[in-house]
Amino acid sequence: MSQYVVGGFKLEESRSRRGKHIAKSVAYIYSRDKGFIPIDKASEYIVSREPDKPTYVKGEAWKFFIRLGHGEYIVYGWFVRNFLGKVKGFISVYNYKGELLYRAKYYDGVLRRSMGDPIYAWLVRLFIEKTKLPIKKTRLGDEKI
């Protein structure tokens, strides 16, 4: 079984000087055998973990490099809350080679497909369940007509 090293996933939790803006990112590995695993808990997958510069001044960020096998995916979400309380961001699905397969844009409770094949929307839906992201409406491309 061939292994690939996929890299550059920035996991962060930071806030602005006055605390009005907050950036947070989270990533999960999906494996058929083990299900959804948070990257920071999946020590057998991690090749290296390096400190990185966060988006805002207060907080910390880490860049992860991960070893994946055939048929495994990474679901990565990055979100920012502004001073009005609106949350925006995106959820991306990467395959075991590190290629971007699908991306959904999130803004204030609405999740819509941005790019990629809707076949991978089920991974985004699992990500939403796992993170308990508040969703009002979805337009991921896999809805029945």
N, C-alpha and C. Protein backbone atom coordinates (compact mmCIF):
# COMPACT_ATOMS: atom_id res chain seq x y z
N MET A 1 0.84 -1.18 0.00
CA MET A 1 0.00 0.00 0.00
C MET A 1 0.88 1.24 0.00
N SER A 2 0.68 2.11 -0.96
CA SER A 2 1.52 3.29 -1.08
C SER A 2 1.06 4.38 -0.11
N GLN A 3 2.02 5.10 0.41
CA GLN A 3 1.76 6.17 1.37
C GLN A 3 2.20 7.50 0.76
N TYR A 4 1.42 8.53 0.97
CA TYR A 4 1.74 9.87 0.48
C TYR A 4 1.80 10.82 1.66
N VAL A 5 2.72 11.78 1.60
CA VAL A 5 2.79 12.82 2.62
C VAL A 5 2.11 14.07 2.07
N VAL A 6 1.05 14.46 2.76
CA VAL A 6 0.26 15.63 2.39
C VAL A 6 0.58 16.70 3.41
N GLY A 7 0.80 17.93 2.94
CA GLY A 7 1.27 18.91 3.90
C GLY A 7 0.65 20.27 3.85
N GLY A 8 0.94 21.01 4.91
CA GLY A 8 0.60 22.41 4.97
C GLY A 8 -0.77 22.71 5.53
N PHE A 9 -1.36 21.83 6.32
CA PHE A 9 -2.65 22.12 6.92
C PHE A 9 -2.43 22.92 8.20
N LYS A 10 -2.91 24.16 8.18
CA LYS A 10 -2.68 25.08 9.28
C LYS A 10 -3.86 25.01 10.25
N LEU A 11 -3.60 24.49 11.44
CA LEU A 11 -4.60 24.46 12.49
C LEU A 11 -4.32 25.61 13.44
N GLU A 12 -5.32 26.46 13.62
CA GLU A 12 -5.09 27.65 14.43
C GLU A 12 -6.30 28.00 15.27
N GLU A 13 -6.02 28.77 16.28
CA GLU A 13 -7.05 29.40 17.08
C GLU A 13 -6.45 30.73 17.51
N SER A 14 -6.92 31.82 16.88
CA SER A 14 -6.34 33.12 17.19
C SER A 14 -7.42 34.19 17.19
N ARG A 15 -7.09 35.30 17.83
CA ARG A 15 -8.02 36.42 17.89
C ARG A 15 -7.26 37.73 17.71
N SER A 16 -8.00 38.75 17.33
CA SER A 16 -7.38 40.06 17.10
C SER A 16 -7.01 40.72 18.43
N ARG A 17 -6.30 41.83 18.36
CA ARG A 17 -5.84 42.51 19.58
C ARG A 17 -6.99 42.82 20.54
N ARG A 18 -8.08 43.33 20.00
CA ARG A 18 -9.22 43.69 20.84
C ARG A 18 -10.22 42.56 20.99
N GLY A 19 -9.98 41.45 20.34
CA GLY A 19 -10.85 40.29 20.47
C GLY A 19 -12.11 40.35 19.65
N LYS A 20 -12.17 41.26 18.67
CA LYS A 20 -13.39 41.39 17.86
C LYS A 20 -13.42 40.41 16.70
N HIS A 21 -12.29 39.91 16.28
CA HIS A 21 -12.22 38.92 15.20
C HIS A 21 -11.55 37.66 15.72
N ILE A 22 -12.11 36.52 15.35
CA ILE A 22 -11.58 35.23 15.80
C ILE A 22 -11.42 34.32 14.60
N ALA A 23 -10.26 33.70 14.45
CA ALA A 23 -10.01 32.73 13.38
C ALA A 23 -9.81 31.35 14.00
N LYS A 24 -10.44 30.36 13.42
CA LYS A 24 -10.30 29.00 13.93
C LYS A 24 -10.32 28.04 12.76
N SER A 25 -9.47 27.04 12.80
CA SER A 25 -9.49 26.02 11.76
C SER A 25 -9.40 24.65 12.41
N VAL A 26 -9.98 23.68 11.72
CA VAL A 26 -10.02 22.31 12.22
C VAL A 26 -9.90 21.37 11.03
N ALA A 27 -9.29 20.21 11.24
CA ALA A 27 -9.14 19.24 10.16
C ALA A 27 -9.37 17.83 10.70
N TYR A 28 -9.96 17.02 9.85
CA TYR A 28 -10.23 15.63 10.19
C TYR A 28 -9.69 14.74 9.08
N ILE A 29 -9.26 13.55 9.48
CA ILE A 29 -8.86 12.52 8.52
C ILE A 29 -10.02 11.53 8.46
N TYR A 30 -10.44 11.19 7.24
CA TYR A 30 -11.47 10.17 7.09
C TYR A 30 -10.83 8.90 6.56
N SER A 31 -10.99 7.83 7.30
CA SER A 31 -10.52 6.52 6.90
C SER A 31 -11.70 5.56 6.98
N ARG A 32 -11.82 4.64 6.01
CA ARG A 32 -12.92 3.69 6.03
C ARG A 32 -12.91 2.85 7.30
N ASP A 33 -11.74 2.49 7.76
CA ASP A 33 -11.62 1.61 8.92
C ASP A 33 -11.91 2.35 10.23
N LYS A 34 -11.36 3.56 10.36
CA LYS A 34 -11.41 4.26 11.65
C LYS A 34 -12.42 5.39 11.71
N GLY A 35 -13.01 5.78 10.58
CA GLY A 35 -13.98 6.87 10.57
C GLY A 35 -13.30 8.23 10.59
N PHE A 36 -13.95 9.21 11.21
CA PHE A 36 -13.42 10.57 11.30
C PHE A 36 -12.51 10.69 12.51
N ILE A 37 -11.27 11.15 12.27
CA ILE A 37 -10.30 11.33 13.36
C ILE A 37 -9.79 12.76 13.29
N PRO A 38 -9.83 13.52 14.41
CA PRO A 38 -9.22 14.86 14.39
C PRO A 38 -7.71 14.75 14.19
N ILE A 39 -7.13 15.67 13.42
CA ILE A 39 -5.71 15.58 13.10
C ILE A 39 -4.84 15.62 14.35
N ASP A 40 -5.18 16.47 15.30
CA ASP A 40 -4.33 16.56 16.49
C ASP A 40 -4.39 15.30 17.36
N LYS A 41 -5.37 14.43 17.15
CA LYS A 41 -5.46 13.16 17.90
C LYS A 41 -4.92 11.97 17.11
N ALA A 42 -4.61 12.17 15.83
CA ALA A 42 -4.17 11.08 14.97
C ALA A 42 -2.64 11.04 14.89
N SER A 43 -2.01 10.61 15.95
CA SER A 43 -0.55 10.65 16.01
C SER A 43 0.11 9.69 15.02
N GLU A 44 -0.56 8.58 14.67
CA GLU A 44 0.04 7.64 13.73
C GLU A 44 0.08 8.18 12.30
N TYR A 45 -0.72 9.21 12.00
CA TYR A 45 -0.74 9.81 10.67
C TYR A 45 0.24 10.99 10.54
N ILE A 46 0.58 11.62 11.65
CA ILE A 46 1.37 12.86 11.61
C ILE A 46 2.84 12.56 11.33
N VAL A 47 3.38 13.22 10.30
CA VAL A 47 4.80 13.12 9.98
C VAL A 47 5.56 14.19 10.75
N SER A 48 5.08 15.45 10.66
CA SER A 48 5.70 16.52 11.42
C SER A 48 4.67 17.58 11.76
N ARG A 49 5.00 18.33 12.81
CA ARG A 49 4.14 19.40 13.30
C ARG A 49 5.04 20.59 13.59
N GLU A 50 4.81 21.70 12.87
CA GLU A 50 5.68 22.86 13.01
C GLU A 50 4.87 24.07 13.46
N PRO A 51 5.45 24.94 14.29
CA PRO A 51 4.74 26.18 14.63
C PRO A 51 4.62 27.08 13.41
N ASP A 52 3.52 27.81 13.32
CA ASP A 52 3.25 28.67 12.18
C ASP A 52 2.71 30.00 12.70
N LYS A 53 2.68 31.00 11.82
CA LYS A 53 2.18 32.31 12.22
C LYS A 53 0.65 32.32 12.14
N PRO A 54 -0.04 32.69 13.23
CA PRO A 54 -1.50 32.74 13.20
C PRO A 54 -2.01 33.93 12.39
N THR A 55 -3.28 33.89 12.02
CA THR A 55 -3.90 34.97 11.26
C THR A 55 -3.94 36.26 12.08
N TYR A 56 -4.31 36.16 13.34
CA TYR A 56 -4.38 37.32 14.23
C TYR A 56 -3.28 37.26 15.28
N VAL A 57 -3.14 38.34 16.06
CA VAL A 57 -2.01 38.50 16.96
C VAL A 57 -2.02 37.52 18.13
N LYS A 58 -3.15 37.39 18.80
CA LYS A 58 -3.23 36.52 19.98
C LYS A 58 -3.59 35.10 19.55
N GLY A 59 -2.91 34.13 20.08
CA GLY A 59 -3.22 32.74 19.76
C GLY A 59 -2.03 32.03 19.16
N GLU A 60 -2.29 30.84 18.68
CA GLU A 60 -1.21 30.03 18.10
C GLU A 60 -1.71 29.27 16.89
N ALA A 61 -0.75 28.84 16.09
CA ALA A 61 -1.06 28.07 14.89
C ALA A 61 0.02 27.02 14.69
N TRP A 62 -0.39 25.89 14.11
CA TRP A 62 0.52 24.78 13.81
C TRP A 62 0.29 24.32 12.39
N LYS A 63 1.36 23.98 11.72
CA LYS A 63 1.28 23.43 10.37
C LYS A 63 1.56 21.94 10.46
N PHE A 64 0.64 21.14 9.92
CA PHE A 64 0.74 19.69 10.00
C PHE A 64 1.07 19.08 8.64
N PHE A 65 1.93 18.07 8.66
CA PHE A 65 2.22 17.25 7.49
C PHE A 65 1.80 15.83 7.85
N ILE A 66 0.99 15.24 6.98
CA ILE A 66 0.31 14.00 7.32
C ILE A 66 0.59 12.94 6.26
N ARG A 67 0.73 11.70 6.70
CA ARG A 67 0.94 10.56 5.80
C ARG A 67 -0.39 9.84 5.65
N LEU A 68 -0.85 9.72 4.39
CA LEU A 68 -2.13 9.07 4.11
C LEU A 68 -1.94 7.91 3.15
N GLY A 69 -2.83 6.95 3.26
CA GLY A 69 -2.84 5.81 2.35
C GLY A 69 -3.97 5.96 1.34
N HIS A 70 -4.03 5.02 0.42
CA HIS A 70 -5.04 5.05 -0.64
C HIS A 70 -6.45 5.00 -0.04
N GLY A 71 -7.33 5.87 -0.53
CA GLY A 71 -8.73 5.87 -0.07
C GLY A 71 -9.00 6.70 1.17
N GLU A 72 -8.01 7.41 1.68
CA GLU A 72 -8.21 8.25 2.86
C GLU A 72 -8.33 9.71 2.41
N TYR A 73 -9.09 10.48 3.16
CA TYR A 73 -9.36 11.88 2.83
C TYR A 73 -9.05 12.78 4.01
N ILE A 74 -8.79 14.05 3.70
CA ILE A 74 -8.68 15.08 4.73
C ILE A 74 -9.78 16.09 4.48
N VAL A 75 -10.53 16.39 5.53
CA VAL A 75 -11.57 17.42 5.46
C VAL A 75 -11.11 18.55 6.35
N TYR A 76 -10.89 19.73 5.73
CA TYR A 76 -10.28 20.87 6.41
C TYR A 76 -11.26 22.04 6.41
N GLY A 77 -11.49 22.62 7.57
CA GLY A 77 -12.38 23.77 7.67
C GLY A 77 -11.68 24.95 8.29
N TRP A 78 -11.88 26.13 7.72
CA TRP A 78 -11.27 27.36 8.23
C TRP A 78 -12.37 28.41 8.34
N PHE A 79 -12.49 29.05 9.52
CA PHE A 79 -13.59 29.97 9.78
C PHE A 79 -13.10 31.22 10.49
N VAL A 80 -13.79 32.34 10.22
CA VAL A 80 -13.51 33.63 10.88
C VAL A 80 -14.83 34.22 11.34
N ARG A 81 -14.85 34.67 12.60
CA ARG A 81 -16.01 35.40 13.11
C ARG A 81 -15.64 36.86 13.23
N ASN A 82 -16.45 37.75 12.65
CA ASN A 82 -16.13 39.17 12.70
C ASN A 82 -16.80 39.85 13.89
N PHE A 83 -16.66 41.15 14.02
CA PHE A 83 -17.16 41.87 15.18
C PHE A 83 -18.69 41.93 15.22
N LEU A 84 -19.36 41.66 14.11
CA LEU A 84 -20.82 41.61 14.08
C LEU A 84 -21.37 40.24 14.47
N GLY A 85 -20.47 39.28 14.64
CA GLY A 85 -20.88 37.92 14.99
C GLY A 85 -21.13 37.05 13.79
N LYS A 86 -20.88 37.54 12.59
CA LYS A 86 -21.06 36.75 11.36
C LYS A 86 -19.85 35.84 11.18
N VAL A 87 -20.13 34.61 10.80
CA VAL A 87 -19.06 33.63 10.59
C VAL A 87 -18.98 33.32 9.10
N LYS A 88 -17.76 33.35 8.57
CA LYS A 88 -17.56 32.93 7.19
C LYS A 88 -16.32 32.06 7.11
N GLY A 89 -16.26 31.26 6.06
CA GLY A 89 -15.12 30.37 5.90
C GLY A 89 -15.37 29.38 4.80
N PHE A 90 -14.63 28.27 4.85
CA PHE A 90 -14.78 27.24 3.83
C PHE A 90 -14.45 25.88 4.42
N ILE A 91 -14.96 24.84 3.74
CA ILE A 91 -14.65 23.46 4.08
C ILE A 91 -14.13 22.80 2.81
N SER A 92 -12.93 22.23 2.88
CA SER A 92 -12.30 21.62 1.71
C SER A 92 -12.08 20.13 1.94
N VAL A 93 -12.18 19.36 0.86
CA VAL A 93 -11.93 17.92 0.91
C VAL A 93 -10.73 17.64 0.02
N TYR A 94 -9.71 16.98 0.59
CA TYR A 94 -8.49 16.61 -0.13
C TYR A 94 -8.37 15.09 -0.15
N ASN A 95 -7.83 14.55 -1.25
CA ASN A 95 -7.62 13.10 -1.30
C ASN A 95 -6.26 12.74 -0.71
N TYR A 96 -5.90 11.47 -0.80
CA TYR A 96 -4.66 10.98 -0.19
C TYR A 96 -3.41 11.53 -0.87
N LYS A 97 -3.53 12.07 -2.08
CA LYS A 97 -2.39 12.68 -2.76
C LYS A 97 -2.27 14.17 -2.49
N GLY A 98 -3.24 14.73 -1.78
CA GLY A 98 -3.23 16.16 -1.47
C GLY A 98 -3.91 17.02 -2.51
N GLU A 99 -4.67 16.41 -3.41
CA GLU A 99 -5.38 17.17 -4.45
C GLU A 99 -6.73 17.64 -3.91
N LEU A 100 -7.06 18.89 -4.18
CA LEU A 100 -8.34 19.45 -3.75
C LEU A 100 -9.46 18.87 -4.61
N LEU A 101 -10.40 18.17 -3.97
CA LEU A 101 -11.48 17.52 -4.69
C LEU A 101 -12.77 18.34 -4.64
N TYR A 102 -13.02 19.01 -3.51
CA TYR A 102 -14.29 19.68 -3.30
C TYR A 102 -14.10 20.80 -2.30
N ARG A 103 -14.81 21.90 -2.52
CA ARG A 103 -14.78 23.01 -1.56
C ARG A 103 -16.18 23.58 -1.43
N ALA A 104 -16.59 23.83 -0.20
CA ALA A 104 -17.87 24.46 0.09
C ALA A 104 -17.62 25.73 0.87
N LYS A 105 -18.33 26.79 0.51
CA LYS A 105 -18.19 28.08 1.16
C LYS A 105 -19.26 28.20 2.24
N TYR A 106 -18.87 28.72 3.40
CA TYR A 106 -19.79 28.89 4.52
C TYR A 106 -19.91 30.38 4.83
N TYR A 107 -21.15 30.87 4.92
CA TYR A 107 -21.36 32.24 5.35
C TYR A 107 -22.64 32.32 6.16
N ASP A 108 -22.51 32.63 7.42
CA ASP A 108 -23.63 32.91 8.31
C ASP A 108 -24.72 31.82 8.27
N GLY A 109 -24.32 30.58 8.37
CA GLY A 109 -25.28 29.48 8.44
C GLY A 109 -25.66 28.87 7.11
N VAL A 110 -25.19 29.43 6.01
CA VAL A 110 -25.51 28.89 4.68
C VAL A 110 -24.24 28.26 4.10
N LEU A 111 -24.36 27.03 3.69
CA LEU A 111 -23.22 26.29 3.13
C LEU A 111 -23.54 25.97 1.67
N ARG A 112 -22.66 26.42 0.77
CA ARG A 112 -22.90 26.16 -0.65
C ARG A 112 -21.63 25.69 -1.32
N ARG A 113 -21.84 24.90 -2.38
CA ARG A 113 -20.72 24.36 -3.15
C ARG A 113 -20.00 25.48 -3.87
N SER A 114 -18.69 25.47 -3.77
CA SER A 114 -17.88 26.48 -4.42
C SER A 114 -17.17 25.90 -5.64
N MET A 115 -16.61 24.70 -5.49
CA MET A 115 -15.94 24.03 -6.60
C MET A 115 -15.85 22.54 -6.34
N GLY A 116 -15.65 21.78 -7.38
CA GLY A 116 -15.45 20.35 -7.23
C GLY A 116 -16.68 19.53 -7.55
N ASP A 117 -16.51 18.23 -7.50
CA ASP A 117 -17.55 17.27 -7.82
C ASP A 117 -18.44 17.02 -6.61
N PRO A 118 -19.78 17.14 -6.74
CA PRO A 118 -20.68 16.94 -5.60
C PRO A 118 -20.68 15.53 -5.02
N ILE A 119 -19.98 14.61 -5.65
CA ILE A 119 -19.86 13.26 -5.10
C ILE A 119 -19.25 13.30 -3.69
N TYR A 120 -18.39 14.28 -3.44
CA TYR A 120 -17.68 14.37 -2.16
C TYR A 120 -18.43 15.19 -1.12
N ALA A 121 -19.66 15.60 -1.40
CA ALA A 121 -20.42 16.41 -0.44
C ALA A 121 -20.74 15.63 0.83
N TRP A 122 -20.80 14.32 0.77
CA TRP A 122 -21.09 13.52 1.96
C TRP A 122 -20.01 13.69 3.03
N LEU A 123 -18.76 13.90 2.60
CA LEU A 123 -17.69 14.15 3.58
C LEU A 123 -17.90 15.48 4.29
N VAL A 124 -18.38 16.48 3.56
CA VAL A 124 -18.68 17.78 4.16
C VAL A 124 -19.83 17.64 5.16
N ARG A 125 -20.83 16.85 4.80
CA ARG A 125 -21.97 16.64 5.72
C ARG A 125 -21.53 15.91 7.00
N LEU A 126 -20.62 14.96 6.88
CA LEU A 126 -20.08 14.29 8.07
C LEU A 126 -19.27 15.27 8.93
N PHE A 127 -18.53 16.15 8.27
CA PHE A 127 -17.76 17.18 8.97
C PHE A 127 -18.69 18.09 9.78
N ILE A 128 -19.82 18.47 9.18
CA ILE A 128 -20.80 19.33 9.86
C ILE A 128 -21.35 18.64 11.10
N GLU A 129 -21.68 17.35 10.97
CA GLU A 129 -22.18 16.59 12.12
C GLU A 129 -21.15 16.52 13.23
N LYS A 130 -19.91 16.27 12.85
CA LYS A 130 -18.84 16.10 13.84
C LYS A 130 -18.53 17.40 14.57
N THR A 131 -18.51 18.52 13.86
CA THR A 131 -18.15 19.80 14.46
C THR A 131 -19.35 20.56 15.01
N LYS A 132 -20.57 20.08 14.74
CA LYS A 132 -21.80 20.73 15.19
C LYS A 132 -21.88 22.18 14.70
N LEU A 133 -21.51 22.39 13.45
CA LEU A 133 -21.55 23.70 12.81
C LEU A 133 -23.01 24.09 12.58
N PRO A 134 -23.44 25.30 13.00
CA PRO A 134 -24.85 25.68 12.82
C PRO A 134 -25.16 25.94 11.34
N ILE A 135 -26.09 25.18 10.79
CA ILE A 135 -26.44 25.28 9.38
C ILE A 135 -27.92 25.60 9.25
N LYS A 136 -28.23 26.65 8.46
CA LYS A 136 -29.62 26.99 8.16
C LYS A 136 -30.03 26.38 6.82
N LYS A 137 -29.11 26.40 5.86
CA LYS A 137 -29.43 25.96 4.51
C LYS A 137 -28.18 25.41 3.84
N THR A 138 -28.35 24.37 3.02
CA THR A 138 -27.21 23.83 2.28
C THR A 138 -27.53 23.79 0.80
N ARG A 139 -26.50 24.03 0.00
CA ARG A 139 -26.57 23.93 -1.46
C ARG A 139 -25.28 23.24 -1.92
N LEU A 140 -25.13 21.98 -1.57
CA LEU A 140 -23.88 21.28 -1.82
C LEU A 140 -23.86 20.56 -3.16
N GLY A 141 -24.98 20.52 -3.87
CA GLY A 141 -25.01 19.87 -5.17
C GLY A 141 -25.46 18.43 -5.14
N ASP A 142 -25.63 17.87 -3.93
CA ASP A 142 -26.09 16.48 -3.84
C ASP A 142 -27.55 16.37 -3.42
N GLU A 143 -28.27 17.50 -3.36
CA GLU A 143 -29.67 17.48 -2.97
C GLU A 143 -30.51 16.85 -4.08
N LYS A 144 -31.57 16.20 -3.68
CA LYS A 144 -32.49 15.60 -4.66
C LYS A 144 -33.40 16.68 -5.21
N ILE A 145 -33.74 16.55 -6.46
CA ILE A 145 -34.61 17.55 -7.09
C ILE A 145 -36.06 17.21 -6.86
